[in-house]
Amino acid sequence: MPFLKLLHFAALLCWCGALLYLPALIAAGTRRGEALFYRDHAHLTRMVFTHIATPAALLAIGSGTALLLRDSIYAPWLILKLTSVAGMVLCHALCGVLVLRIESHPSRSVSWVCALIGGLIALLISLTLWLVLAKPFA
């Protein structure tokens, strides 16, 4: 089943890339100069979230679950990895909340929240990658 691993890896690349990009995109949307820019930027932000990040997250989680069930590995490092992935899912949901927030209140600045979420996402992605490659506690 190398196709399943390839699907999981490709979906993870797309999801992690979109997760790293979304906070910066959301923060840039709060700095509006003209109405046309804001409308197009809000549309782009929503499109990246709904058409790229969310389907990639669903594919990554679905294919990862299939790999877990296929290999039946329940090591301590895997439990920690799944916990860090759950944190990534929470950050994904927070980005969705921020997308809705800037659509309803575009003048409200959320730059510090975006910076915090971006840093947390980078930390969780790094932790997940380390846990998969190093497999500590095994």
N, C-alpha and C. Protein backbone atom coordinates (compact mmCIF):
# COMPACT_ATOMS: atom_id res chain seq x y z
N MET A 1 0.80 -1.20 0.00
CA MET A 1 0.00 0.00 0.00
C MET A 1 0.85 1.27 0.00
N PRO A 2 1.83 1.38 -0.88
CA PRO A 2 2.60 2.62 -0.92
C PRO A 2 1.76 3.81 -1.36
N PHE A 3 0.67 3.55 -2.09
CA PHE A 3 -0.21 4.65 -2.51
C PHE A 3 -0.83 5.35 -1.31
N LEU A 4 -1.18 4.60 -0.28
CA LEU A 4 -1.78 5.18 0.92
C LEU A 4 -0.78 6.08 1.65
N LYS A 5 0.47 5.64 1.73
CA LYS A 5 1.50 6.48 2.36
C LYS A 5 1.77 7.73 1.53
N LEU A 6 1.78 7.58 0.21
CA LEU A 6 1.98 8.73 -0.66
C LEU A 6 0.84 9.73 -0.51
N LEU A 7 -0.38 9.23 -0.46
CA LEU A 7 -1.55 10.10 -0.26
C LEU A 7 -1.45 10.82 1.08
N HIS A 8 -1.07 10.10 2.12
CA HIS A 8 -0.93 10.69 3.45
C HIS A 8 0.15 11.77 3.45
N PHE A 9 1.28 11.49 2.85
CA PHE A 9 2.38 12.44 2.82
C PHE A 9 2.02 13.69 2.01
N ALA A 10 1.40 13.51 0.85
CA ALA A 10 1.01 14.65 0.01
C ALA A 10 -0.04 15.51 0.70
N ALA A 11 -1.00 14.86 1.33
CA ALA A 11 -2.04 15.61 2.04
C ALA A 11 -1.45 16.38 3.22
N LEU A 12 -0.50 15.76 3.92
CA LEU A 12 0.17 16.45 5.03
C LEU A 12 0.95 17.67 4.55
N LEU A 13 1.63 17.54 3.44
CA LEU A 13 2.37 18.69 2.90
C LEU A 13 1.42 19.84 2.59
N CYS A 14 0.31 19.54 1.94
CA CYS A 14 -0.66 20.59 1.60
C CYS A 14 -1.27 21.19 2.86
N TRP A 15 -1.65 20.34 3.82
CA TRP A 15 -2.29 20.84 5.03
C TRP A 15 -1.33 21.68 5.86
N CYS A 16 -0.12 21.20 6.06
CA CYS A 16 0.84 21.95 6.87
C CYS A 16 1.23 23.26 6.19
N GLY A 17 1.39 23.23 4.88
CA GLY A 17 1.69 24.46 4.16
C GLY A 17 0.57 25.48 4.28
N ALA A 18 -0.66 25.02 4.15
CA ALA A 18 -1.81 25.92 4.28
C ALA A 18 -1.93 26.43 5.71
N LEU A 19 -1.66 25.57 6.69
CA LEU A 19 -1.73 25.99 8.10
C LEU A 19 -0.68 27.05 8.41
N LEU A 20 0.49 26.93 7.82
CA LEU A 20 1.53 27.93 8.05
C LEU A 20 1.20 29.26 7.35
N TYR A 21 0.50 29.18 6.22
CA TYR A 21 0.18 30.37 5.44
C TYR A 21 -1.05 31.11 5.95
N LEU A 22 -2.01 30.39 6.48
CA LEU A 22 -3.29 31.00 6.88
C LEU A 22 -3.16 32.12 7.92
N PRO A 23 -2.42 31.96 9.00
CA PRO A 23 -2.34 33.08 9.96
C PRO A 23 -1.79 34.36 9.35
N ALA A 24 -0.79 34.24 8.48
CA ALA A 24 -0.24 35.42 7.82
C ALA A 24 -1.26 36.04 6.87
N LEU A 25 -2.01 35.20 6.17
CA LEU A 25 -3.04 35.67 5.25
C LEU A 25 -4.16 36.36 6.01
N ILE A 26 -4.55 35.81 7.15
CA ILE A 26 -5.60 36.41 7.96
C ILE A 26 -5.13 37.76 8.51
N ALA A 27 -3.91 37.81 9.02
CA ALA A 27 -3.38 39.07 9.56
C ALA A 27 -3.28 40.14 8.48
N ALA A 28 -2.90 39.75 7.27
CA ALA A 28 -2.80 40.71 6.18
C ALA A 28 -4.17 41.24 5.78
N GLY A 29 -5.20 40.45 5.99
CA GLY A 29 -6.56 40.88 5.64
C GLY A 29 -7.11 41.95 6.54
N THR A 30 -6.53 42.12 7.71
CA THR A 30 -7.01 43.16 8.62
C THR A 30 -6.43 44.53 8.27
N ARG A 31 -5.39 44.55 7.47
CA ARG A 31 -4.78 45.81 7.05
C ARG A 31 -5.35 46.19 5.69
N ARG A 32 -6.52 46.73 5.69
CA ARG A 32 -7.16 47.03 4.41
C ARG A 32 -6.97 48.49 4.05
N GLY A 33 -6.78 48.73 2.78
CA GLY A 33 -6.63 50.08 2.30
C GLY A 33 -7.86 50.52 1.54
N GLU A 34 -8.35 49.66 0.68
CA GLU A 34 -9.53 49.99 -0.10
C GLU A 34 -10.50 48.83 -0.07
N ALA A 35 -11.75 49.11 -0.35
CA ALA A 35 -12.80 48.09 -0.22
C ALA A 35 -12.62 46.94 -1.20
N LEU A 36 -12.16 47.24 -2.41
CA LEU A 36 -11.97 46.18 -3.40
C LEU A 36 -10.89 45.20 -2.96
N PHE A 37 -9.79 45.70 -2.40
CA PHE A 37 -8.74 44.82 -1.90
C PHE A 37 -9.27 43.93 -0.79
N TYR A 38 -10.01 44.53 0.15
CA TYR A 38 -10.49 43.74 1.27
C TYR A 38 -11.43 42.64 0.80
N ARG A 39 -12.35 42.96 -0.13
CA ARG A 39 -13.31 41.95 -0.60
C ARG A 39 -12.57 40.81 -1.29
N ASP A 40 -11.62 41.12 -2.14
CA ASP A 40 -10.86 40.07 -2.83
C ASP A 40 -9.99 39.29 -1.87
N HIS A 41 -9.40 39.97 -0.89
CA HIS A 41 -8.54 39.29 0.07
C HIS A 41 -9.36 38.37 0.98
N ALA A 42 -10.53 38.82 1.39
CA ALA A 42 -11.40 37.97 2.22
C ALA A 42 -11.84 36.74 1.44
N HIS A 43 -12.10 36.92 0.16
CA HIS A 43 -12.48 35.78 -0.69
C HIS A 43 -11.31 34.80 -0.81
N LEU A 44 -10.10 35.32 -1.00
CA LEU A 44 -8.92 34.46 -1.10
C LEU A 44 -8.68 33.70 0.20
N THR A 45 -8.81 34.39 1.34
CA THR A 45 -8.60 33.74 2.63
C THR A 45 -9.58 32.61 2.85
N ARG A 46 -10.86 32.86 2.56
CA ARG A 46 -11.87 31.82 2.72
C ARG A 46 -11.62 30.67 1.75
N MET A 47 -11.19 30.98 0.53
CA MET A 47 -10.94 29.93 -0.45
C MET A 47 -9.77 29.04 -0.02
N VAL A 48 -8.70 29.64 0.50
CA VAL A 48 -7.56 28.83 0.96
C VAL A 48 -8.00 27.94 2.12
N PHE A 49 -8.82 28.47 3.02
CA PHE A 49 -9.27 27.67 4.16
C PHE A 49 -10.20 26.55 3.73
N THR A 50 -11.21 26.87 2.91
CA THR A 50 -12.23 25.87 2.59
C THR A 50 -11.86 24.93 1.45
N HIS A 51 -11.07 25.42 0.48
CA HIS A 51 -10.78 24.59 -0.69
C HIS A 51 -9.42 23.92 -0.68
N ILE A 52 -8.52 24.38 0.19
CA ILE A 52 -7.18 23.78 0.24
C ILE A 52 -6.91 23.14 1.60
N ALA A 53 -6.99 23.95 2.67
CA ALA A 53 -6.60 23.47 3.99
C ALA A 53 -7.54 22.38 4.52
N THR A 54 -8.84 22.61 4.44
CA THR A 54 -9.78 21.65 5.03
C THR A 54 -9.79 20.31 4.28
N PRO A 55 -9.88 20.28 2.94
CA PRO A 55 -9.82 18.97 2.27
C PRO A 55 -8.49 18.25 2.51
N ALA A 56 -7.39 19.00 2.54
CA ALA A 56 -6.09 18.37 2.80
C ALA A 56 -6.05 17.79 4.21
N ALA A 57 -6.63 18.51 5.18
CA ALA A 57 -6.67 18.00 6.56
C ALA A 57 -7.49 16.72 6.63
N LEU A 58 -8.63 16.71 5.97
CA LEU A 58 -9.48 15.51 5.99
C LEU A 58 -8.78 14.32 5.33
N LEU A 59 -8.10 14.59 4.21
CA LEU A 59 -7.35 13.50 3.55
C LEU A 59 -6.20 13.01 4.42
N ALA A 60 -5.47 13.92 5.04
CA ALA A 60 -4.34 13.53 5.88
C ALA A 60 -4.80 12.72 7.08
N ILE A 61 -5.86 13.16 7.73
CA ILE A 61 -6.37 12.45 8.91
C ILE A 61 -6.97 11.11 8.50
N GLY A 62 -7.70 11.09 7.40
CA GLY A 62 -8.31 9.84 6.95
C GLY A 62 -7.27 8.81 6.53
N SER A 63 -6.29 9.23 5.74
CA SER A 63 -5.26 8.28 5.31
C SER A 63 -4.35 7.87 6.47
N GLY A 64 -4.11 8.79 7.41
CA GLY A 64 -3.33 8.43 8.60
C GLY A 64 -4.05 7.41 9.46
N THR A 65 -5.36 7.58 9.57
CA THR A 65 -6.16 6.60 10.33
C THR A 65 -6.13 5.24 9.63
N ALA A 66 -6.22 5.24 8.31
CA ALA A 66 -6.15 3.97 7.57
C ALA A 66 -4.79 3.30 7.76
N LEU A 67 -3.71 4.09 7.76
CA LEU A 67 -2.38 3.52 8.00
C LEU A 67 -2.27 2.97 9.42
N LEU A 68 -2.84 3.68 10.38
CA LEU A 68 -2.82 3.22 11.77
C LEU A 68 -3.56 1.89 11.92
N LEU A 69 -4.72 1.80 11.31
CA LEU A 69 -5.50 0.56 11.40
C LEU A 69 -4.83 -0.58 10.65
N ARG A 70 -4.17 -0.26 9.54
CA ARG A 70 -3.50 -1.30 8.75
C ARG A 70 -2.30 -1.87 9.48
N ASP A 71 -1.49 -0.99 10.10
CA ASP A 71 -0.25 -1.43 10.73
C ASP A 71 -0.43 -1.84 12.19
N SER A 72 -1.50 -1.43 12.82
CA SER A 72 -1.80 -1.76 14.23
C SER A 72 -0.63 -1.44 15.16
N ILE A 73 -0.10 -0.24 15.05
CA ILE A 73 0.99 0.21 15.92
C ILE A 73 0.40 1.12 16.99
N TYR A 74 0.65 0.80 18.23
CA TYR A 74 0.15 1.62 19.34
C TYR A 74 1.29 1.90 20.31
N ALA A 75 2.35 2.50 19.82
CA ALA A 75 3.52 2.81 20.64
C ALA A 75 3.32 4.16 21.34
N PRO A 76 4.05 4.41 22.42
CA PRO A 76 3.92 5.70 23.13
C PRO A 76 4.21 6.92 22.25
N TRP A 77 5.19 6.81 21.32
CA TRP A 77 5.48 7.94 20.45
C TRP A 77 4.30 8.25 19.55
N LEU A 78 3.55 7.22 19.17
CA LEU A 78 2.39 7.43 18.29
C LEU A 78 1.28 8.16 19.02
N ILE A 79 1.09 7.86 20.29
CA ILE A 79 0.08 8.56 21.09
C ILE A 79 0.45 10.04 21.20
N LEU A 80 1.73 10.34 21.41
CA LEU A 80 2.18 11.73 21.46
C LEU A 80 2.01 12.41 20.10
N LYS A 81 2.27 11.68 19.03
CA LYS A 81 2.10 12.24 17.68
C LYS A 81 0.63 12.56 17.42
N LEU A 82 -0.24 11.66 17.80
CA LEU A 82 -1.67 11.91 17.62
C LEU A 82 -2.15 13.09 18.46
N THR A 83 -1.54 13.29 19.61
CA THR A 83 -1.86 14.45 20.45
C THR A 83 -1.42 15.74 19.76
N SER A 84 -0.25 15.73 19.15
CA SER A 84 0.21 16.93 18.45
C SER A 84 -0.63 17.19 17.20
N VAL A 85 -1.09 16.14 16.54
CA VAL A 85 -1.99 16.32 15.40
C VAL A 85 -3.33 16.90 15.87
N ALA A 86 -3.79 16.47 17.03
CA ALA A 86 -5.02 17.05 17.58
C ALA A 86 -4.83 18.55 17.85
N GLY A 87 -3.63 18.94 18.29
CA GLY A 87 -3.34 20.36 18.45
C GLY A 87 -3.35 21.09 17.12
N MET A 88 -2.88 20.45 16.07
CA MET A 88 -2.93 21.05 14.74
C MET A 88 -4.37 21.22 14.28
N VAL A 89 -5.21 20.26 14.61
CA VAL A 89 -6.63 20.36 14.26
C VAL A 89 -7.27 21.54 15.00
N LEU A 90 -6.91 21.72 16.26
CA LEU A 90 -7.43 22.87 17.01
C LEU A 90 -6.96 24.20 16.40
N CYS A 91 -5.71 24.26 15.98
CA CYS A 91 -5.22 25.46 15.32
C CYS A 91 -5.94 25.70 14.00
N HIS A 92 -6.25 24.63 13.29
CA HIS A 92 -7.02 24.72 12.05
C HIS A 92 -8.39 25.33 12.34
N ALA A 93 -9.04 24.85 13.39
CA ALA A 93 -10.35 25.38 13.77
C ALA A 93 -10.25 26.85 14.20
N LEU A 94 -9.20 27.21 14.91
CA LEU A 94 -9.00 28.61 15.31
C LEU A 94 -8.81 29.50 14.09
N CYS A 95 -8.11 29.01 13.09
CA CYS A 95 -7.97 29.79 11.85
C CYS A 95 -9.33 30.00 11.20
N GLY A 96 -10.19 28.99 11.24
CA GLY A 96 -11.54 29.13 10.71
C GLY A 96 -12.34 30.18 11.46
N VAL A 97 -12.20 30.20 12.78
CA VAL A 97 -12.88 31.21 13.59
C VAL A 97 -12.36 32.61 13.23
N LEU A 98 -11.05 32.72 13.03
CA LEU A 98 -10.48 34.02 12.66
C LEU A 98 -10.93 34.47 11.27
N VAL A 99 -11.08 33.53 10.35
CA VAL A 99 -11.59 33.88 9.01
C VAL A 99 -12.99 34.47 9.15
N LEU A 100 -13.84 33.83 9.94
CA LEU A 100 -15.19 34.36 10.16
C LEU A 100 -15.16 35.71 10.88
N ARG A 101 -14.23 35.85 11.81
CA ARG A 101 -14.14 37.09 12.58
C ARG A 101 -13.73 38.28 11.71
N ILE A 102 -12.75 38.09 10.83
CA ILE A 102 -12.35 39.22 10.00
C ILE A 102 -13.37 39.51 8.91
N GLU A 103 -14.21 38.53 8.56
CA GLU A 103 -15.28 38.81 7.61
C GLU A 103 -16.38 39.66 8.24
N SER A 104 -16.66 39.42 9.52
CA SER A 104 -17.72 40.18 10.18
C SER A 104 -17.23 41.50 10.75
N HIS A 105 -15.97 41.57 11.20
CA HIS A 105 -15.39 42.79 11.77
C HIS A 105 -14.02 43.04 11.14
N PRO A 106 -13.98 43.56 9.91
CA PRO A 106 -12.69 43.69 9.22
C PRO A 106 -11.74 44.69 9.85
N SER A 107 -12.24 45.63 10.62
CA SER A 107 -11.34 46.64 11.18
C SER A 107 -10.64 46.15 12.45
N ARG A 108 -11.12 45.07 13.02
CA ARG A 108 -10.53 44.54 14.25
C ARG A 108 -9.20 43.85 13.96
N SER A 109 -8.17 44.26 14.65
CA SER A 109 -6.84 43.70 14.40
C SER A 109 -6.65 42.41 15.19
N VAL A 110 -6.19 41.40 14.52
CA VAL A 110 -5.95 40.10 15.15
C VAL A 110 -4.51 39.64 14.91
N SER A 111 -3.63 40.59 14.67
CA SER A 111 -2.24 40.25 14.31
C SER A 111 -1.54 39.45 15.39
N TRP A 112 -1.72 39.82 16.66
CA TRP A 112 -1.01 39.11 17.73
C TRP A 112 -1.56 37.70 17.88
N VAL A 113 -2.86 37.50 17.66
CA VAL A 113 -3.44 36.16 17.73
C VAL A 113 -2.90 35.32 16.58
N CYS A 114 -2.80 35.92 15.39
CA CYS A 114 -2.26 35.20 14.24
C CYS A 114 -0.80 34.82 14.46
N ALA A 115 -0.02 35.72 15.07
CA ALA A 115 1.38 35.41 15.35
C ALA A 115 1.49 34.26 16.35
N LEU A 116 0.64 34.27 17.36
CA LEU A 116 0.63 33.20 18.36
C LEU A 116 0.24 31.87 17.73
N ILE A 117 -0.80 31.87 16.92
CA ILE A 117 -1.24 30.64 16.27
C ILE A 117 -0.18 30.15 15.28
N GLY A 118 0.43 31.07 14.54
CA GLY A 118 1.49 30.68 13.59
C GLY A 118 2.66 30.03 14.28
N GLY A 119 3.08 30.59 15.41
CA GLY A 119 4.17 29.99 16.18
C GLY A 119 3.80 28.63 16.73
N LEU A 120 2.57 28.50 17.22
CA LEU A 120 2.11 27.22 17.76
C LEU A 120 2.03 26.17 16.66
N ILE A 121 1.56 26.57 15.48
CA ILE A 121 1.48 25.64 14.35
C ILE A 121 2.88 25.15 13.97
N ALA A 122 3.84 26.07 13.88
CA ALA A 122 5.21 25.69 13.54
C ALA A 122 5.79 24.73 14.58
N LEU A 123 5.51 24.99 15.85
CA LEU A 123 5.98 24.11 16.92
C LEU A 123 5.34 22.72 16.82
N LEU A 124 4.04 22.67 16.58
CA LEU A 124 3.34 21.38 16.49
C LEU A 124 3.79 20.58 15.27
N ILE A 125 4.00 21.25 14.14
CA ILE A 125 4.48 20.56 12.95
C ILE A 125 5.88 20.00 13.19
N SER A 126 6.75 20.79 13.82
CA SER A 126 8.10 20.33 14.13
C SER A 126 8.08 19.14 15.10
N LEU A 127 7.23 19.23 16.12
CA LEU A 127 7.11 18.14 17.09
C LEU A 127 6.60 16.87 16.42
N THR A 128 5.61 17.00 15.57
CA THR A 128 5.06 15.84 14.87
C THR A 128 6.12 15.20 13.98
N LEU A 129 6.84 16.02 13.25
CA LEU A 129 7.88 15.49 12.38
C LEU A 129 8.98 14.80 13.18
N TRP A 130 9.39 15.39 14.30
CA TRP A 130 10.40 14.77 15.13
C TRP A 130 9.91 13.43 15.69
N LEU A 131 8.66 13.39 16.15
CA LEU A 131 8.13 12.14 16.71
C LEU A 131 8.06 11.04 15.66
N VAL A 132 7.72 11.38 14.43
CA VAL A 132 7.64 10.37 13.37
C VAL A 132 9.02 9.87 12.97
N LEU A 133 9.97 10.79 12.87
CA LEU A 133 11.30 10.38 12.41
C LEU A 133 12.15 9.74 13.51
N ALA A 134 12.08 10.26 14.72
CA ALA A 134 12.93 9.73 15.81
C ALA A 134 12.31 8.53 16.50
N LYS A 135 10.99 8.48 16.55
CA LYS A 135 10.26 7.41 17.25
C LYS A 135 10.84 7.18 18.65
N PRO A 136 10.82 8.23 19.50
CA PRO A 136 11.34 8.04 20.86
C PRO A 136 10.44 7.12 21.67
N PHE A 137 10.92 6.65 22.78
CA PHE A 137 10.19 5.77 23.69
C PHE A 137 9.87 4.43 23.05
N ALA A 138 10.51 4.09 21.94
CA ALA A 138 10.20 2.81 21.27
C ALA A 138 11.13 1.72 21.73
